[in-house]
Each structure stands twice: as structure tokens, then as C-alpha cells.
Amino acid sequence: MINADPSRHGEYRRPPKNSRFLIVIIVGMATVLALQYTSHPLFGPDKTATLWGMFVGLFIGGFLFGWLRFPGR
């Protein structure tokens, strides 16, 4: 849809609603990662790098897609 009025630009953008859910997933992933370094890990040692990759991907993806906000914005 072409918007002829530039003052209304971005009015139709939906506010992010996934931030709470994503934060819960990130905290859960951080907990699983912390448990990997205890004497009773949930997954084998070969899966730790995969878990780190998922954790970093969720965190960076949350900022890239706007589900998380930078402080002060």
C-alpha cells in the first residue's frame, strides 16, 4: 500500500509482542547452559557448542528482528 502522507509513515507497524516470550526462552537457555558446566549436565559435552550457538542466535536475533530493545531507546 502506498502511503501519500509521509507524516503517517510507520503508523501501521505492529508493536513487538514476542519480547516476554523470547526473554523467557533466553533465560531458560542460559539455565541449561549453566547446568552444562555442573557435575550433572543435561546434554553430552559434544552438544555444548550447539547450545551456545542457539543461545547467541536467540539473543542476536531478538535485537535484529526488534523483539528485544536496546536500553535507552
PDB file of N, CA and C in Angstrom:
ATOM      1  N   MET A   1       0.838  -1.161   0.000  1.00  0.00           N
ATOM      2  CA  MET A   1       0.000   0.000   0.000  1.00  0.00           C
ATOM      3  C   MET A   1       0.894   1.237   0.000  1.00  0.00           C
ATOM      4  N   ILE A   2       0.636   2.149  -0.909  1.00  0.00           N
ATOM      5  CA  ILE A   2       1.418   3.370  -0.999  1.00  0.00           C
ATOM      6  C   ILE A   2       0.796   4.416  -0.093  1.00  0.00           C
ATOM      7  N   ASN A   3       1.618   4.993   0.766  1.00  0.00           N
ATOM      8  CA  ASN A   3       1.153   6.000   1.700  1.00  0.00           C
ATOM      9  C   ASN A   3       1.571   7.378   1.193  1.00  0.00           C
ATOM     10  N   ALA A   4       0.607   8.194   0.774  1.00  0.00           N
ATOM     11  CA  ALA A   4       0.916   9.507   0.222  1.00  0.00           C
ATOM     12  C   ALA A   4       1.258  10.521   1.308  1.00  0.00           C
ATOM     13  N   ASP A   5       0.831  10.281   2.535  1.00  0.00           N
ATOM     14  CA  ASP A   5       1.091  11.208   3.635  1.00  0.00           C
ATOM     15  C   ASP A   5       2.306  10.736   4.425  1.00  0.00           C
ATOM     16  N   PRO A   6       3.467  11.413   4.301  1.00  0.00           N
ATOM     17  CA  PRO A   6       4.670  10.940   4.991  1.00  0.00           C
ATOM     18  C   PRO A   6       4.588  11.066   6.512  1.00  0.00           C
ATOM     19  N   SER A   7       3.685  11.889   7.035  1.00  0.00           N
ATOM     20  CA  SER A   7       3.567  12.022   8.490  1.00  0.00           C
ATOM     21  C   SER A   7       2.972  10.760   9.115  1.00  0.00           C
ATOM     22  N   ARG A   8       2.268   9.958   8.333  1.00  0.00           N
ATOM     23  CA  ARG A   8       1.666   8.728   8.843  1.00  0.00           C
ATOM     24  C   ARG A   8       2.539   7.506   8.588  1.00  0.00           C
ATOM     25  N   HIS A   9       3.770   7.737   8.157  1.00  0.00           N
ATOM     26  CA  HIS A   9       4.679   6.634   7.865  1.00  0.00           C
ATOM     27  C   HIS A   9       4.955   5.828   9.137  1.00  0.00           C
ATOM     28  N   GLY A  10       4.804   4.537   9.073  1.00  0.00           N
ATOM     29  CA  GLY A  10       5.093   3.663  10.210  1.00  0.00           C
ATOM     30  C   GLY A  10       3.926   3.515  11.170  1.00  0.00           C
ATOM     31  N   GLU A  11       2.803   4.127  10.879  1.00  0.00           N
ATOM     32  CA  GLU A  11       1.652   4.046  11.774  1.00  0.00           C
ATOM     33  C   GLU A  11       1.098   2.622  11.835  1.00  0.00           C
ATOM     34  N   TYR A  12       1.258   1.875  10.757  1.00  0.00           N
ATOM     35  CA  TYR A  12       0.684   0.541  10.674  1.00  0.00           C
ATOM     36  C   TYR A  12       1.608  -0.533  11.229  1.00  0.00           C
ATOM     37  N   ARG A  13       2.779  -0.128  11.709  1.00  0.00           N
ATOM     38  CA  ARG A  13       3.724  -1.119  12.228  1.00  0.00           C
ATOM     39  C   ARG A  13       3.225  -1.672  13.561  1.00  0.00           C
ATOM     40  N   ARG A  14       3.169  -2.966  13.636  1.00  0.00           N
ATOM     41  CA  ARG A  14       2.684  -3.649  14.830  1.00  0.00           C
ATOM     42  C   ARG A  14       3.750  -3.597  15.919  1.00  0.00           C
ATOM     43  N   PRO A  15       3.367  -3.266  17.146  1.00  0.00           N
ATOM     44  CA  PRO A  15       4.367  -3.254  18.214  1.00  0.00           C
ATOM     45  C   PRO A  15       4.831  -4.673  18.531  1.00  0.00           C
ATOM     46  N   PRO A  16       6.083  -4.827  18.950  1.00  0.00           N
ATOM     47  CA  PRO A  16       6.585  -6.176  19.236  1.00  0.00           C
ATOM     48  C   PRO A  16       5.875  -6.781  20.444  1.00  0.00           C
ATOM     49  N   LYS A  17       5.394  -8.004  20.298  1.00  0.00           N
ATOM     50  CA  LYS A  17       4.698  -8.680  21.391  1.00  0.00           C
ATOM     51  C   LYS A  17       5.422  -9.953  21.816  1.00  0.00           C
ATOM     52  N   ASN A  18       6.524 -10.272  21.153  1.00  0.00           N
ATOM     53  CA  ASN A  18       7.229 -11.515  21.438  1.00  0.00           C
ATOM     54  C   ASN A  18       8.312 -11.341  22.482  1.00  0.00           C
ATOM     55  N   SER A  19       8.521 -10.133  22.999  1.00  0.00           N
ATOM     56  CA  SER A  19       9.682  -9.893  23.847  1.00  0.00           C
ATOM     57  C   SER A  19       9.638 -10.706  25.139  1.00  0.00           C
ATOM     58  N   ARG A  20       8.496 -10.791  25.804  1.00  0.00           N
ATOM     59  CA  ARG A  20       8.417 -11.564  27.056  1.00  0.00           C
ATOM     60  C   ARG A  20       8.688 -13.042  26.810  1.00  0.00           C
ATOM     61  N   PHE A  21       8.089 -13.571  25.777  1.00  0.00           N
ATOM     62  CA  PHE A  21       8.289 -14.980  25.446  1.00  0.00           C
ATOM     63  C   PHE A  21       9.747 -15.255  25.106  1.00  0.00           C
ATOM     64  N   LEU A  22      10.355 -14.365  24.334  1.00  0.00           N
ATOM     65  CA  LEU A  22      11.750 -14.537  23.954  1.00  0.00           C
ATOM     66  C   LEU A  22      12.660 -14.426  25.168  1.00  0.00           C
ATOM     67  N   ILE A  23      12.368 -13.522  26.076  1.00  0.00           N
ATOM     68  CA  ILE A  23      13.175 -13.391  27.293  1.00  0.00           C
ATOM     69  C   ILE A  23      13.087 -14.660  28.132  1.00  0.00           C
ATOM     70  N   VAL A  24      11.911 -15.243  28.228  1.00  0.00           N
ATOM     71  CA  VAL A  24      11.755 -16.499  28.971  1.00  0.00           C
ATOM     72  C   VAL A  24      12.577 -17.607  28.325  1.00  0.00           C
ATOM     73  N   ILE A  25      12.561 -17.677  26.991  1.00  0.00           N
ATOM     74  CA  ILE A  25      13.346 -18.697  26.293  1.00  0.00           C
ATOM     75  C   ILE A  25      14.841 -18.460  26.500  1.00  0.00           C
ATOM     76  N   ILE A  26      15.284 -17.206  26.441  1.00  0.00           N
ATOM     77  CA  ILE A  26      16.702 -16.900  26.632  1.00  0.00           C
ATOM     78  C   ILE A  26      17.144 -17.237  28.047  1.00  0.00           C
ATOM     79  N   VAL A  27      16.328 -16.924  29.041  1.00  0.00           N
ATOM     80  CA  VAL A  27      16.674 -17.268  30.432  1.00  0.00           C
ATOM     81  C   VAL A  27      16.709 -18.785  30.602  1.00  0.00           C
ATOM     82  N   GLY A  28      15.770 -19.492  29.995  1.00  0.00           N
ATOM     83  CA  GLY A  28      15.782 -20.951  30.054  1.00  0.00           C
ATOM     84  C   GLY A  28      17.015 -21.543  29.390  1.00  0.00           C
ATOM     85  N   MET A  29      17.390 -20.981  28.246  1.00  0.00           N
ATOM     86  CA  MET A  29      18.588 -21.455  27.546  1.00  0.00           C
ATOM     87  C   MET A  29      19.841 -21.171  28.364  1.00  0.00           C
ATOM     88  N   ALA A  30      19.891 -20.010  29.025  1.00  0.00           N
ATOM     89  CA  ALA A  30      21.039 -19.679  29.875  1.00  0.00           C
ATOM     90  C   ALA A  30      21.121 -20.641  31.061  1.00  0.00           C
ATOM     91  N   THR A  31      19.970 -21.047  31.584  1.00  0.00           N
ATOM     92  CA  THR A  31      19.952 -22.016  32.680  1.00  0.00           C
ATOM     93  C   THR A  31      20.474 -23.370  32.220  1.00  0.00           C
ATOM     94  N   VAL A  32      20.038 -23.804  31.056  1.00  0.00           N
ATOM     95  CA  VAL A  32      20.522 -25.078  30.510  1.00  0.00           C
ATOM     96  C   VAL A  32      22.027 -25.014  30.270  1.00  0.00           C
ATOM     97  N   LEU A  33      22.504 -23.879  29.750  1.00  0.00           N
ATOM     98  CA  LEU A  33      23.945 -23.722  29.533  1.00  0.00           C
ATOM     99  C   LEU A  33      24.710 -23.755  30.851  1.00  0.00           C
ATOM    100  N   ALA A  34      24.167 -23.113  31.869  1.00  0.00           N
ATOM    101  CA  ALA A  34      24.839 -23.124  33.172  1.00  0.00           C
ATOM    102  C   ALA A  34      24.897 -24.539  33.738  1.00  0.00           C
ATOM    103  N   LEU A  35      23.861 -25.308  33.525  1.00  0.00           N
ATOM    104  CA  LEU A  35      23.838 -26.691  34.013  1.00  0.00           C
ATOM    105  C   LEU A  35      24.824 -27.578  33.258  1.00  0.00           C
ATOM    106  N   GLN A  36      25.190 -27.180  32.044  1.00  0.00           N
ATOM    107  CA  GLN A  36      26.168 -27.957  31.277  1.00  0.00           C
ATOM    108  C   GLN A  36      27.534 -27.982  31.958  1.00  0.00           C
ATOM    109  N   TYR A  37      27.813 -26.962  32.757  1.00  0.00           N
ATOM    110  CA  TYR A  37      29.120 -26.857  33.399  1.00  0.00           C
ATOM    111  C   TYR A  37      29.104 -27.344  34.843  1.00  0.00           C
ATOM    112  N   THR A  38      28.049 -28.019  35.258  1.00  0.00           N
ATOM    113  CA  THR A  38      27.992 -28.632  36.582  1.00  0.00           C
ATOM    114  C   THR A  38      28.371 -30.105  36.457  1.00  0.00           C
ATOM    115  N   SER A  39      28.304 -30.808  37.570  1.00  0.00           N
ATOM    116  CA  SER A  39      28.650 -32.233  37.541  1.00  0.00           C
ATOM    117  C   SER A  39      27.542 -33.086  36.931  1.00  0.00           C
ATOM    118  N   HIS A  40      26.351 -32.523  36.719  1.00  0.00           N
ATOM    119  CA  HIS A  40      25.229 -33.268  36.131  1.00  0.00           C
ATOM    120  C   HIS A  40      24.672 -32.526  34.922  1.00  0.00           C
ATOM    121  N   PRO A  41      25.381 -32.531  33.794  1.00  0.00           N
ATOM    122  CA  PRO A  41      24.883 -31.812  32.612  1.00  0.00           C
ATOM    123  C   PRO A  41      23.660 -32.507  32.010  1.00  0.00           C
ATOM    124  N   LEU A  42      22.799 -31.714  31.391  1.00  0.00           N
ATOM    125  CA  LEU A  42      21.596 -32.265  30.765  1.00  0.00           C
ATOM    126  C   LEU A  42      21.905 -32.946  29.435  1.00  0.00           C
ATOM    127  N   PHE A  43      22.916 -32.436  28.731  1.00  0.00           N
ATOM    128  CA  PHE A  43      23.301 -32.977  27.432  1.00  0.00           C
ATOM    129  C   PHE A  43      24.767 -33.371  27.471  1.00  0.00           C
ATOM    130  N   GLY A  44      25.191 -34.124  26.485  1.00  0.00           N
ATOM    131  CA  GLY A  44      26.578 -34.547  26.399  1.00  0.00           C
ATOM    132  C   GLY A  44      27.500 -33.376  26.102  1.00  0.00           C
ATOM    133  N   PRO A  45      28.786 -33.543  26.385  1.00  0.00           N
ATOM    134  CA  PRO A  45      29.743 -32.447  26.166  1.00  0.00           C
ATOM    135  C   PRO A  45      29.846 -32.012  24.706  1.00  0.00           C
ATOM    136  N   ASP A  46      29.529 -32.896  23.778  1.00  0.00           N
ATOM    137  CA  ASP A  46      29.597 -32.528  22.361  1.00  0.00           C
ATOM    138  C   ASP A  46      28.460 -31.595  21.946  1.00  0.00           C
ATOM    139  N   LYS A  47      27.439 -31.457  22.761  1.00  0.00           N
ATOM    140  CA  LYS A  47      26.293 -30.595  22.437  1.00  0.00           C
ATOM    141  C   LYS A  47      26.427 -29.187  23.003  1.00  0.00           C
ATOM    142  N   THR A  48      27.461 -28.927  23.802  1.00  0.00           N
ATOM    143  CA  THR A  48      27.596 -27.615  24.432  1.00  0.00           C
ATOM    144  C   THR A  48      27.774 -26.513  23.400  1.00  0.00           C
ATOM    145  N   ALA A  49      28.552 -26.736  22.373  1.00  0.00           N
ATOM    146  CA  ALA A  49      28.751 -25.716  21.338  1.00  0.00           C
ATOM    147  C   ALA A  49      27.444 -25.427  20.608  1.00  0.00           C
ATOM    148  N   THR A  50      26.635 -26.437  20.381  1.00  0.00           N
ATOM    149  CA  THR A  50      25.338 -26.242  19.740  1.00  0.00           C
ATOM    150  C   THR A  50      24.432 -25.386  20.617  1.00  0.00           C
ATOM    151  N   LEU A  51      24.442 -25.653  21.927  1.00  0.00           N
ATOM    152  CA  LEU A  51      23.624 -24.873  22.847  1.00  0.00           C
ATOM    153  C   LEU A  51      24.079 -23.412  22.890  1.00  0.00           C
ATOM    154  N   TRP A  52      25.393 -23.193  22.874  1.00  0.00           N
ATOM    155  CA  TRP A  52      25.910 -21.825  22.830  1.00  0.00           C
ATOM    156  C   TRP A  52      25.456 -21.121  21.551  1.00  0.00           C
ATOM    157  N   GLY A  53      25.494 -21.825  20.438  1.00  0.00           N
ATOM    158  CA  GLY A  53      25.061 -21.244  19.172  1.00  0.00           C
ATOM    159  C   GLY A  53      23.593 -20.862  19.179  1.00  0.00           C
ATOM    160  N   MET A  54      22.767 -21.713  19.763  1.00  0.00           N
ATOM    161  CA  MET A  54      21.337 -21.410  19.862  1.00  0.00           C
ATOM    162  C   MET A  54      21.102 -20.204  20.772  1.00  0.00           C
ATOM    163  N   PHE A  55      21.821 -20.146  21.884  1.00  0.00           N
ATOM    164  CA  PHE A  55      21.679 -19.048  22.836  1.00  0.00           C
ATOM    165  C   PHE A  55      22.068 -17.711  22.191  1.00  0.00           C
ATOM    166  N   VAL A  56      23.212 -17.679  21.544  1.00  0.00           N
ATOM    167  CA  VAL A  56      23.680 -16.444  20.901  1.00  0.00           C
ATOM    168  C   VAL A  56      22.749 -16.071  19.747  1.00  0.00           C
ATOM    169  N   GLY A  57      22.278 -17.060  19.009  1.00  0.00           N
ATOM    170  CA  GLY A  57      21.349 -16.791  17.911  1.00  0.00           C
ATOM    171  C   GLY A  57      20.039 -16.187  18.381  1.00  0.00           C
ATOM    172  N   LEU A  58      19.500 -16.686  19.482  1.00  0.00           N
ATOM    173  CA  LEU A  58      18.274 -16.111  20.033  1.00  0.00           C
ATOM    174  C   LEU A  58      18.494 -14.675  20.489  1.00  0.00           C
ATOM    175  N   PHE A  59      19.622 -14.442  21.128  1.00  0.00           N
ATOM    176  CA  PHE A  59      19.913 -13.113  21.657  1.00  0.00           C
ATOM    177  C   PHE A  59      20.111 -12.102  20.531  1.00  0.00           C
ATOM    178  N   ILE A  60      20.950 -12.431  19.565  1.00  0.00           N
ATOM    179  CA  ILE A  60      21.207 -11.515  18.449  1.00  0.00           C
ATOM    180  C   ILE A  60      19.958 -11.370  17.579  1.00  0.00           C
ATOM    181  N   GLY A  61      19.278 -12.480  17.323  1.00  0.00           N
ATOM    182  CA  GLY A  61      18.056 -12.417  16.523  1.00  0.00           C
ATOM    183  C   GLY A  61      16.969 -11.581  17.171  1.00  0.00           C
ATOM    184  N   GLY A  62      16.912 -11.593  18.500  1.00  0.00           N
ATOM    185  CA  GLY A  62      15.928 -10.770  19.199  1.00  0.00           C
ATOM    186  C   GLY A  62      16.134  -9.292  18.942  1.00  0.00           C
ATOM    187  N   PHE A  63      17.383  -8.859  18.863  1.00  0.00           N
ATOM    188  CA  PHE A  63      17.655  -7.457  18.560  1.00  0.00           C
ATOM    189  C   PHE A  63      17.479  -7.163  17.073  1.00  0.00           C
ATOM    190  N   LEU A  64      17.887  -8.082  16.210  1.00  0.00           N
ATOM    191  CA  LEU A  64      17.772  -7.841  14.767  1.00  0.00           C
ATOM    192  C   LEU A  64      16.324  -7.722  14.321  1.00  0.00           C
ATOM    193  N   PHE A  65      15.454  -8.565  14.873  1.00  0.00           N
ATOM    194  CA  PHE A  65      14.055  -8.548  14.466  1.00  0.00           C
ATOM    195  C   PHE A  65      13.208  -7.618  15.318  1.00  0.00           C
ATOM    196  N   GLY A  66      13.826  -6.927  16.286  1.00  0.00           N
ATOM    197  CA  GLY A  66      13.110  -5.944  17.071  1.00  0.00           C
ATOM    198  C   GLY A  66      12.271  -6.503  18.195  1.00  0.00           C
ATOM    199  N   TRP A  67      12.437  -7.763  18.533  1.00  0.00           N
ATOM    200  CA  TRP A  67      11.658  -8.344  19.634  1.00  0.00           C
ATOM    201  C   TRP A  67      12.223  -7.929  20.983  1.00  0.00           C
ATOM    202  N   LEU A  68      13.513  -7.603  21.018  1.00  0.00           N
ATOM    203  CA  LEU A  68      14.152  -7.045  22.192  1.00  0.00           C
ATOM    204  C   LEU A  68      14.559  -5.623  21.862  1.00  0.00           C
ATOM    205  N   ARG A  69      14.661  -4.785  22.840  1.00  0.00           N
ATOM    206  CA  ARG A  69      15.013  -3.381  22.614  1.00  0.00           C
ATOM    207  C   ARG A  69      16.342  -3.074  23.300  1.00  0.00           C
ATOM    208  N   PHE A  70      17.126  -2.219  22.655  1.00  0.00           N
ATOM    209  CA  PHE A  70      18.348  -1.732  23.276  1.00  0.00           C
ATOM    210  C   PHE A  70      17.966  -0.784  24.414  1.00  0.00           C
ATOM    211  N   PRO A  71      18.715  -0.785  25.526  1.00  0.00           N
ATOM    212  CA  PRO A  71      18.393   0.143  26.609  1.00  0.00           C
ATOM    213  C   PRO A  71      18.557   1.596  26.151  1.00  0.00           C
ATOM    214  N   GLY A  72      17.655   2.441  26.588  1.00  0.00           N
ATOM    215  CA  GLY A  72      17.728   3.854  26.250  1.00  0.00           C
ATOM    216  C   GLY A  72      17.061   4.227  24.938  1.00  0.00           C
ATOM    217  N   ARG A  73      16.432   3.296  24.290  1.00  0.00           N
ATOM    218  CA  ARG A  73      15.743   3.585  23.023  1.00  0.00           C
ATOM    219  C   ARG A  73      14.280   3.766  23.244  1.00  0.00           C
TER     220      ARG A  73
END
